[in-house]
Amino acid sequence: MTKNYAELSDAFERYDIDPGAFTHADHVDVAYQMLSRYDFLEALTRYSQCINTIASAAGAAHKFNVTITLTFLSIVVARMRTTEHTNYAEFLKNNPEVLNTSVLKQWYSSDQLASELVRTVFLMPKASPA
């Protein structure tokens, strides 16, 4: 059965999802929906508030990570604006790396992503090799 991500995004904004069943693919799908509905800063604000509220309500406030959230939404919106696609399925076909959580490793080490600092503030990514 195919998920209806517009409906999932609506439920996400109402804080009406099962956090235990919310996969990385669902995170990406909802991010895509929100970035399609709102400008980047509004989508980032709404997405961050929703994910933080949902995680906190599930007793997992420590899972919310400002750096990961901002970086991942930035990757998704950049791919949305620079790759041709007419729908979400086409977007994924042209950008399969967004479904891989290791995509962040090109900018951040595992230790950085696991640090307490990145949970509460945006940590700048490491510079690209010259």
C-alpha atoms as a PDB file:
ATOM      1  CA  MET A   1       0.000   0.000   0.000  1.00  0.00           C
ATOM      2  CA  THR A   2       1.336   3.441  -0.940  1.00  0.00           C
ATOM      3  CA  LYS A   3       1.335   6.108   1.743  1.00  0.00           C
ATOM      4  CA  ASN A   4      -0.436   9.371   1.159  1.00  0.00           C
ATOM      5  CA  TYR A   5       2.316  11.799   2.136  1.00  0.00           C
ATOM      6  CA  ALA A   6       0.136  14.895   1.891  1.00  0.00           C
ATOM      7  CA  GLU A   7      -2.087  13.313   4.557  1.00  0.00           C
ATOM      8  CA  LEU A   8       0.943  12.203   6.591  1.00  0.00           C
ATOM      9  CA  SER A   9       2.296  15.754   6.435  1.00  0.00           C
ATOM     10  CA  ASP A  10      -1.048  17.114   7.648  1.00  0.00           C
ATOM     11  CA  ALA A  11      -1.050  14.600  10.520  1.00  0.00           C
ATOM     12  CA  PHE A  12       2.568  15.527  11.297  1.00  0.00           C
ATOM     13  CA  GLU A  13       1.597  19.197  11.598  1.00  0.00           C
ATOM     14  CA  ARG A  14      -1.234  18.211  13.966  1.00  0.00           C
ATOM     15  CA  TYR A  15       1.297  16.146  16.006  1.00  0.00           C
ATOM     16  CA  ASP A  16      -0.894  13.144  15.239  1.00  0.00           C
ATOM     17  CA  ILE A  17       1.596  10.483  14.164  1.00  0.00           C
ATOM     18  CA  ASP A  18       3.050   7.367  15.751  1.00  0.00           C
ATOM     19  CA  PRO A  19       6.693   8.286  16.416  1.00  0.00           C
ATOM     20  CA  GLY A  20       7.677   4.620  16.593  1.00  0.00           C
ATOM     21  CA  ALA A  21       6.406   4.017  13.063  1.00  0.00           C
ATOM     22  CA  PHE A  22       7.811   7.247  11.588  1.00  0.00           C
ATOM     23  CA  THR A  23      10.737   6.122   9.429  1.00  0.00           C
ATOM     24  CA  HIS A  24      13.589   8.091   7.860  1.00  0.00           C
ATOM     25  CA  ALA A  25      11.747   7.830   4.540  1.00  0.00           C
ATOM     26  CA  ASP A  26       8.705   9.381   6.238  1.00  0.00           C
ATOM     27  CA  HIS A  27      10.901  12.229   7.521  1.00  0.00           C
ATOM     28  CA  VAL A  28      12.088  12.891   3.961  1.00  0.00           C
ATOM     29  CA  ASP A  29       8.591  12.629   2.516  1.00  0.00           C
ATOM     30  CA  VAL A  30       7.111  15.044   5.039  1.00  0.00           C
ATOM     31  CA  ALA A  31      10.033  17.431   4.526  1.00  0.00           C
ATOM     32  CA  TYR A  32       9.365  17.368   0.773  1.00  0.00           C
ATOM     33  CA  GLN A  33       5.665  18.084   1.340  1.00  0.00           C
ATOM     34  CA  MET A  34       6.357  20.947   3.730  1.00  0.00           C
ATOM     35  CA  LEU A  35       9.037  22.436   1.476  1.00  0.00           C
ATOM     36  CA  SER A  36       6.491  22.305  -1.355  1.00  0.00           C
ATOM     37  CA  ARG A  37       3.850  24.094   0.729  1.00  0.00           C
ATOM     38  CA  TYR A  38       5.919  26.743   2.480  1.00  0.00           C
ATOM     39  CA  ASP A  39       8.973  28.870   1.828  1.00  0.00           C
ATOM     40  CA  PHE A  40      12.185  27.410   3.261  1.00  0.00           C
ATOM     41  CA  LEU A  41      12.282  29.291   6.567  1.00  0.00           C
ATOM     42  CA  GLU A  42       8.628  28.629   7.345  1.00  0.00           C
ATOM     43  CA  ALA A  43       8.983  24.950   6.431  1.00  0.00           C
ATOM     44  CA  LEU A  44      12.108  24.693   8.599  1.00  0.00           C
ATOM     45  CA  THR A  45      10.376  26.363  11.531  1.00  0.00           C
ATOM     46  CA  ARG A  46       7.227  24.249  11.258  1.00  0.00           C
ATOM     47  CA  TYR A  47       9.111  20.991  10.647  1.00  0.00           C
ATOM     48  CA  SER A  48      11.474  21.633  13.571  1.00  0.00           C
ATOM     49  CA  GLN A  49       8.651  22.527  15.926  1.00  0.00           C
ATOM     50  CA  CYS A  50       6.657  19.457  14.913  1.00  0.00           C
ATOM     51  CA  ILE A  51       9.505  16.975  15.163  1.00  0.00           C
ATOM     52  CA  ASN A  52      10.667  18.415  18.488  1.00  0.00           C
ATOM     53  CA  THR A  53       7.133  18.357  19.930  1.00  0.00           C
ATOM     54  CA  ILE A  54       6.482  14.803  18.703  1.00  0.00           C
ATOM     55  CA  ALA A  55       9.831  13.557  20.045  1.00  0.00           C
ATOM     56  CA  SER A  56       9.251  15.256  23.402  1.00  0.00           C
ATOM     57  CA  ALA A  57       5.734  13.815  23.722  1.00  0.00           C
ATOM     58  CA  ALA A  58       7.193  10.367  23.040  1.00  0.00           C
ATOM     59  CA  GLY A  59       9.732  10.851  25.836  1.00  0.00           C
ATOM     60  CA  ALA A  60      12.580  11.182  23.335  1.00  0.00           C
ATOM     61  CA  ALA A  61      13.322  14.918  23.349  1.00  0.00           C
ATOM     62  CA  HIS A  62      17.031  14.049  23.163  1.00  0.00           C
ATOM     63  CA  LYS A  63      16.491  12.750  19.614  1.00  0.00           C
ATOM     64  CA  PHE A  64      15.733  16.175  18.160  1.00  0.00           C
ATOM     65  CA  ASN A  65      18.861  17.552  16.506  1.00  0.00           C
ATOM     66  CA  VAL A  66      18.997  21.117  15.181  1.00  0.00           C
ATOM     67  CA  THR A  67      22.034  20.506  12.964  1.00  0.00           C
ATOM     68  CA  ILE A  68      20.669  17.344  11.353  1.00  0.00           C
ATOM     69  CA  THR A  69      17.245  18.923  10.797  1.00  0.00           C
ATOM     70  CA  LEU A  70      18.568  22.120   9.216  1.00  0.00           C
ATOM     71  CA  THR A  71      21.147  20.311   7.097  1.00  0.00           C
ATOM     72  CA  PHE A  72      18.746  17.661   5.869  1.00  0.00           C
ATOM     73  CA  LEU A  73      16.006  20.119   4.946  1.00  0.00           C
ATOM     74  CA  SER A  74      18.636  22.213   3.152  1.00  0.00           C
ATOM     75  CA  ILE A  75      19.712  19.173   1.134  1.00  0.00           C
ATOM     76  CA  VAL A  76      16.123  18.304   0.220  1.00  0.00           C
ATOM     77  CA  VAL A  77      15.170  21.839  -0.846  1.00  0.00           C
ATOM     78  CA  ALA A  78      18.383  22.267  -2.845  1.00  0.00           C
ATOM     79  CA  ARG A  79      17.677  19.014  -4.701  1.00  0.00           C
ATOM     80  CA  MET A  80      14.046  20.062  -5.220  1.00  0.00           C
ATOM     81  CA  ARG A  81      15.177  23.250  -6.900  1.00  0.00           C
ATOM     82  CA  THR A  82      18.048  21.844  -8.948  1.00  0.00           C
ATOM     83  CA  THR A  83      16.792  18.512 -10.285  1.00  0.00           C
ATOM     84  CA  GLU A  84      13.979  18.057 -12.735  1.00  0.00           C
ATOM     85  CA  HIS A  85      10.929  16.293 -11.342  1.00  0.00           C
ATOM     86  CA  THR A  86       7.185  16.580 -11.645  1.00  0.00           C
ATOM     87  CA  ASN A  87       6.255  14.623  -8.529  1.00  0.00           C
ATOM     88  CA  TYR A  88       7.711  13.080  -5.392  1.00  0.00           C
ATOM     89  CA  ALA A  89       8.398   9.667  -6.964  1.00  0.00           C
ATOM     90  CA  GLU A  90      10.422  11.327  -9.712  1.00  0.00           C
ATOM     91  CA  PHE A  91      12.231  13.439  -7.127  1.00  0.00           C
ATOM     92  CA  LEU A  92      13.304  10.270  -5.283  1.00  0.00           C
ATOM     93  CA  LYS A  93      14.327   8.556  -8.500  1.00  0.00           C
ATOM     94  CA  ASN A  94      16.608  11.491  -9.317  1.00  0.00           C
ATOM     95  CA  ASN A  95      17.851  11.970  -5.736  1.00  0.00           C
ATOM     96  CA  PRO A  96      18.063   8.569  -4.035  1.00  0.00           C
ATOM     97  CA  GLU A  97      20.783   9.809  -1.657  1.00  0.00           C
ATOM     98  CA  VAL A  98      18.184  11.742   0.366  1.00  0.00           C
ATOM     99  CA  LEU A  99      16.871   8.413   1.628  1.00  0.00           C
ATOM    100  CA  ASN A 100      20.305   7.492   2.964  1.00  0.00           C
ATOM    101  CA  THR A 101      21.062   8.887   6.409  1.00  0.00           C
ATOM    102  CA  SER A 102      24.797   8.685   5.688  1.00  0.00           C
ATOM    103  CA  VAL A 103      24.499  11.577   3.202  1.00  0.00           C
ATOM    104  CA  LEU A 104      25.411  13.902   6.097  1.00  0.00           C
ATOM    105  CA  LYS A 105      28.803  12.201   6.560  1.00  0.00           C
ATOM    106  CA  GLN A 106      30.285  14.250   3.732  1.00  0.00           C
ATOM    107  CA  TRP A 107      29.952  17.309   5.994  1.00  0.00           C
ATOM    108  CA  TYR A 108      29.918  15.936   9.550  1.00  0.00           C
ATOM    109  CA  SER A 109      31.742  13.200  11.432  1.00  0.00           C
ATOM    110  CA  SER A 110      29.776  10.646  13.448  1.00  0.00           C
ATOM    111  CA  ASP A 111      31.179  12.188  16.636  1.00  0.00           C
ATOM    112  CA  GLN A 112      29.960  15.641  15.633  1.00  0.00           C
ATOM    113  CA  LEU A 113      26.466  14.365  14.855  1.00  0.00           C
ATOM    114  CA  ALA A 114      26.312  12.542  18.183  1.00  0.00           C
ATOM    115  CA  SER A 115      27.503  15.524  20.244  1.00  0.00           C
ATOM    116  CA  GLU A 116      25.244  17.416  22.599  1.00  0.00           C
ATOM    117  CA  LEU A 117      26.071  20.719  20.889  1.00  0.00           C
ATOM    118  CA  VAL A 118      24.457  19.762  17.553  1.00  0.00           C
ATOM    119  CA  ARG A 119      21.198  18.962  19.281  1.00  0.00           C
ATOM    120  CA  THR A 120      20.619  22.559  20.347  1.00  0.00           C
ATOM    121  CA  VAL A 121      22.533  24.771  17.866  1.00  0.00           C
ATOM    122  CA  PHE A 122      23.433  24.596  14.197  1.00  0.00           C
ATOM    123  CA  LEU A 123      27.007  23.438  13.771  1.00  0.00           C
ATOM    124  CA  MET A 124      28.570  24.647  10.540  1.00  0.00           C
ATOM    125  CA  PRO A 125      29.683  21.801   8.260  1.00  0.00           C
ATOM    126  CA  LYS A 126      33.357  21.198   7.707  1.00  0.00           C
ATOM    127  CA  ALA A 127      34.886  22.996   4.784  1.00  0.00           C
ATOM    128  CA  SER A 128      35.237  21.170   1.484  1.00  0.00           C
ATOM    129  CA  PRO A 129      38.783  20.097   0.632  1.00  0.00           C
ATOM    130  CA  ALA A 130      40.477  22.698  -1.576  1.00  0.00           C
END
